[in-house]
Amino acid sequence: MGKKAVRVVRNPDIIKILADPVRREILRLTSTKPHTETQLAMKLNLSKPSVGHHLQVLLKAGLIKIVEAKVGRYGILEKYYESTATLFLEDPDNIPLDLQRYFVHRYIERLRGMLNAFYVAGYIGEDFEISPENLEELAKDFAKHIVKVGEKYENIEVDVGRENLFIKVCGEALRLMMATDKWRDLLKQIKVPIKEDSQTSHLLTEK
């Protein structure tokens, strides 16, 4: 049985937890396979007490769970932690005021990454232009559409990797935006076919 594909986080206090880069990295690592505190400490180059603190915060928030506990090489009981979803998405409408700029910047960078990839692949021409103001507004709408798409997968279990799932969700979100009056003229300059059914669709199964 796979884990939940997506969890849309609507609790502002849990969104604050997701703003911490160490905790995000722990969630990324434990979404691929269960890890012990020792393994995480080695990969993150942090002390075990520091990692242990972050694990307790994530456990309390329901973002990770203990899936196994067994005695290690030196007779110490090792707990294995796994994320409770493959992908966590923050609801833009519930982001605390003091973190809104932080998350807007994250989505601007994600959008820039997609646009750069389209440019390199030849899907965007030399004449494509977008102002900083439009880029920020586009990023805000992009975040809302990502959550809208993500909600479809909240009750689905998944065996596909986190990055492939995120690419699928982003692709579907961009396709939805291309159909809106607000962004149609701008986004129609992107000559890339974004299909509703991606190559990962067969890996998504209803629970």
Protein backbone atom coordinates (compact mmCIF):
# COMPACT_ATOMS: atom_id res chain seq x y z
CA MET A 1 0.00 0.00 0.00
CA GLY A 2 1.38 3.40 -0.97
CA LYS A 3 1.21 6.62 0.97
CA LYS A 4 -1.10 9.54 0.32
CA ALA A 5 -0.08 11.39 -2.81
CA VAL A 6 -0.80 14.92 -1.61
CA ARG A 7 -1.69 16.71 1.58
CA VAL A 8 -2.87 20.29 1.24
CA VAL A 9 -1.82 22.09 4.43
CA ARG A 10 -4.41 24.61 5.58
CA ASN A 11 -3.38 25.04 9.21
CA PRO A 12 -1.27 28.23 9.55
CA ASP A 13 0.77 26.73 12.39
CA ILE A 14 1.74 23.73 10.25
CA ILE A 15 2.51 26.02 7.32
CA LYS A 16 5.04 27.73 9.62
CA ILE A 17 6.64 24.32 10.19
CA LEU A 18 6.96 23.84 6.42
CA ALA A 19 8.81 27.16 6.12
CA ASP A 20 11.83 25.66 7.88
CA PRO A 21 14.37 24.40 5.28
CA VAL A 22 15.66 21.56 7.48
CA ARG A 23 12.15 20.22 8.04
CA ARG A 24 11.37 20.48 4.33
CA GLU A 25 14.50 18.47 3.58
CA ILE A 26 13.53 15.84 6.17
CA LEU A 27 10.14 15.54 4.49
CA ARG A 28 11.79 15.22 1.09
CA LEU A 29 14.13 12.48 2.27
CA THR A 30 11.48 10.54 4.17
CA SER A 31 9.11 10.72 1.21
CA THR A 32 11.46 8.46 -0.76
CA LYS A 33 12.00 5.84 1.96
CA PRO A 34 11.94 5.57 5.77
CA HIS A 35 14.99 7.00 7.56
CA THR A 36 16.33 6.77 11.09
CA GLU A 37 17.43 9.76 13.12
CA THR A 38 21.04 8.66 12.61
CA GLN A 39 20.66 8.40 8.83
CA LEU A 40 19.04 11.82 8.63
CA ALA A 41 21.74 13.38 10.80
CA MET A 42 24.43 12.04 8.46
CA LYS A 43 22.67 13.21 5.28
CA LEU A 44 21.86 16.64 6.70
CA ASN A 45 25.25 17.05 8.39
CA LEU A 46 23.51 17.91 11.66
CA SER A 47 23.75 16.57 15.19
CA LYS A 48 21.33 13.85 16.27
CA PRO A 49 19.80 16.08 18.99
CA SER A 50 19.09 18.76 16.38
CA VAL A 51 17.50 16.26 13.99
CA GLY A 52 15.61 14.68 16.88
CA HIS A 53 14.05 18.05 17.72
CA HIS A 54 12.86 18.54 14.14
CA LEU A 55 11.48 14.99 14.03
CA GLN A 56 9.42 15.59 17.16
CA VAL A 57 7.96 18.77 15.66
CA LEU A 58 7.07 16.94 12.44
CA LEU A 59 5.60 14.00 14.35
CA LYS A 60 3.41 16.24 16.47
CA ALA A 61 2.16 18.00 13.33
CA GLY A 62 1.30 14.69 11.67
CA LEU A 63 3.73 15.29 8.81
CA ILE A 64 5.75 12.14 9.49
CA LYS A 65 5.07 8.83 11.22
CA ILE A 66 7.09 5.98 12.71
CA VAL A 67 6.77 2.97 10.42
CA GLU A 68 9.25 0.62 12.09
CA ALA A 69 11.45 0.27 15.16
CA LYS A 70 14.27 -2.24 15.46
CA VAL A 71 17.49 -2.75 17.37
CA GLY A 72 20.54 -1.41 15.57
CA ARG A 73 24.18 -2.52 15.46
CA TYR A 74 24.98 -1.35 18.98
CA GLY A 75 21.84 -2.58 20.66
CA ILE A 76 20.10 0.80 20.39
CA LEU A 77 16.48 0.90 19.29
CA GLU A 78 16.27 2.78 16.00
CA LYS A 79 12.98 4.27 14.82
CA TYR A 80 12.28 4.64 11.12
CA TYR A 81 10.39 7.76 10.06
CA GLU A 82 8.37 8.26 6.88
CA SER A 83 6.43 11.26 5.60
CA THR A 84 2.65 10.89 5.72
CA ALA A 85 2.31 12.20 2.15
CA THR A 86 4.53 12.27 -0.89
CA LEU A 87 3.90 15.96 -1.48
CA PHE A 88 2.85 18.73 0.90
CA LEU A 89 1.26 21.86 -0.58
CA GLU A 90 0.61 25.05 1.38
CA ASP A 91 -2.80 26.67 0.91
CA PRO A 92 -1.97 30.28 -0.11
CA ASP A 93 -5.13 31.56 1.57
CA ASN A 94 -3.91 30.35 4.98
CA ILE A 95 -0.26 31.39 4.91
CA PRO A 96 0.58 33.60 7.94
CA LEU A 97 1.14 37.25 7.05
CA ASP A 98 4.79 37.22 8.11
CA LEU A 99 5.53 34.31 5.75
CA GLN A 100 3.59 35.41 2.67
CA ARG A 101 6.57 37.04 0.94
CA TYR A 102 8.68 33.95 1.62
CA PHE A 103 6.19 31.62 -0.05
CA VAL A 104 5.51 34.03 -2.93
CA HIS A 105 9.25 34.07 -3.62
CA ARG A 106 9.31 30.24 -3.62
CA TYR A 107 6.57 30.10 -6.24
CA ILE A 108 8.24 32.80 -8.33
CA GLU A 109 11.38 30.65 -8.39
CA ARG A 110 9.38 27.55 -9.31
CA LEU A 111 7.68 29.43 -12.12
CA ARG A 112 10.99 30.84 -13.36
CA GLY A 113 12.35 27.31 -13.42
CA MET A 114 9.48 26.11 -15.59
CA LEU A 115 9.73 29.11 -17.94
CA ASN A 116 13.50 28.63 -18.26
CA ALA A 117 12.98 24.96 -19.11
CA PHE A 118 10.41 25.91 -21.76
CA TYR A 119 12.84 28.47 -23.21
CA VAL A 120 15.72 25.99 -23.40
CA ALA A 121 13.42 23.43 -25.04
CA GLY A 122 12.37 25.98 -27.64
CA TYR A 123 8.77 26.30 -26.47
CA ILE A 124 9.18 30.02 -25.71
CA GLY A 125 10.46 32.45 -28.32
CA GLU A 126 12.93 35.30 -27.98
CA ASP A 127 10.05 37.79 -27.99
CA PHE A 128 8.43 36.40 -24.83
CA GLU A 129 8.29 39.11 -22.17
CA ILE A 130 6.81 39.26 -18.69
CA SER A 131 7.13 42.14 -16.23
CA PRO A 132 8.19 41.58 -12.61
CA GLU A 133 4.69 42.59 -11.51
CA ASN A 134 3.03 40.09 -13.85
CA LEU A 135 5.51 37.39 -12.84
CA GLU A 136 4.59 37.84 -9.17
CA GLU A 137 0.86 37.89 -9.92
CA LEU A 138 1.26 34.82 -12.13
CA ALA A 139 3.16 33.06 -9.34
CA LYS A 140 0.38 33.79 -6.84
CA ASP A 141 -2.25 32.37 -9.19
CA PHE A 142 0.07 29.45 -9.95
CA ALA A 143 0.19 28.60 -6.23
CA LYS A 144 -3.62 28.63 -6.03
CA HIS A 145 -3.99 26.41 -9.09
CA ILE A 146 -1.38 23.97 -7.77
CA VAL A 147 -3.47 23.57 -4.61
CA LYS A 148 -6.62 23.19 -6.72
CA VAL A 149 -5.00 20.35 -8.66
CA GLY A 150 -3.45 18.88 -5.51
CA GLU A 151 -6.86 18.58 -3.88
CA LYS A 152 -7.75 15.94 -6.49
CA TYR A 153 -5.00 13.71 -5.12
CA GLU A 154 -5.60 14.12 -1.38
CA ASN A 155 -7.50 10.82 -1.13
CA ILE A 156 -5.26 8.92 -3.51
CA GLU A 157 -2.32 6.66 -2.72
CA VAL A 158 0.75 6.86 -4.88
CA ASP A 159 3.85 4.88 -5.77
CA VAL A 160 5.38 7.50 -8.04
CA GLY A 161 8.30 9.62 -6.84
CA ARG A 162 7.88 13.04 -5.27
CA GLU A 163 9.53 14.97 -8.11
CA ASN A 164 7.49 13.26 -10.83
CA LEU A 165 4.32 13.91 -8.86
CA PHE A 166 5.19 17.58 -8.38
CA ILE A 167 5.92 17.97 -12.10
CA LYS A 168 2.55 16.40 -12.89
CA VAL A 169 0.70 18.70 -10.49
CA CYS A 170 2.52 21.80 -11.81
CA GLY A 171 1.82 20.80 -15.40
CA GLU A 172 -1.88 20.38 -14.74
CA ALA A 173 -1.98 23.70 -12.88
CA LEU A 174 -0.32 25.51 -15.78
CA ARG A 175 -2.75 23.91 -18.22
CA LEU A 176 -5.68 25.22 -16.16
CA MET A 177 -4.18 28.70 -16.12
CA MET A 178 -3.76 28.64 -19.89
CA ALA A 179 -7.54 28.33 -20.16
CA THR A 180 -8.31 31.39 -18.01
CA ASP A 181 -9.14 34.79 -19.50
CA LYS A 182 -6.62 36.45 -17.21
CA TRP A 183 -3.55 34.59 -18.48
CA ARG A 184 -4.61 33.15 -21.86
CA ASP A 185 -2.92 35.81 -24.01
CA LEU A 186 0.35 35.61 -22.11
CA LEU A 187 0.57 31.85 -21.76
CA LYS A 188 -0.51 31.05 -25.32
CA GLN A 189 3.03 32.11 -26.28
CA ILE A 190 4.23 28.89 -24.66
CA LYS A 191 4.03 26.29 -27.43
CA VAL A 192 4.26 23.20 -25.25
CA PRO A 193 1.57 20.49 -25.22
CA ILE A 194 0.48 19.91 -21.62
CA LYS A 195 -1.82 16.91 -21.47
CA GLU A 196 -4.27 16.16 -18.69
CA ASP A 197 -3.14 12.53 -18.51
CA SER A 198 0.60 12.30 -17.95
CA GLN A 199 2.88 9.30 -17.98
CA THR A 200 2.51 9.01 -14.19
CA SER A 201 -1.29 8.74 -14.23
CA HIS A 202 -1.27 4.95 -14.18
CA LEU A 203 0.65 5.03 -10.90
CA LEU A 204 -2.12 6.93 -9.10
CA THR A 205 -4.81 4.70 -7.62
CA GLU A 206 -7.94 5.53 -5.65
CA LYS A 207 -7.81 4.40 -2.06
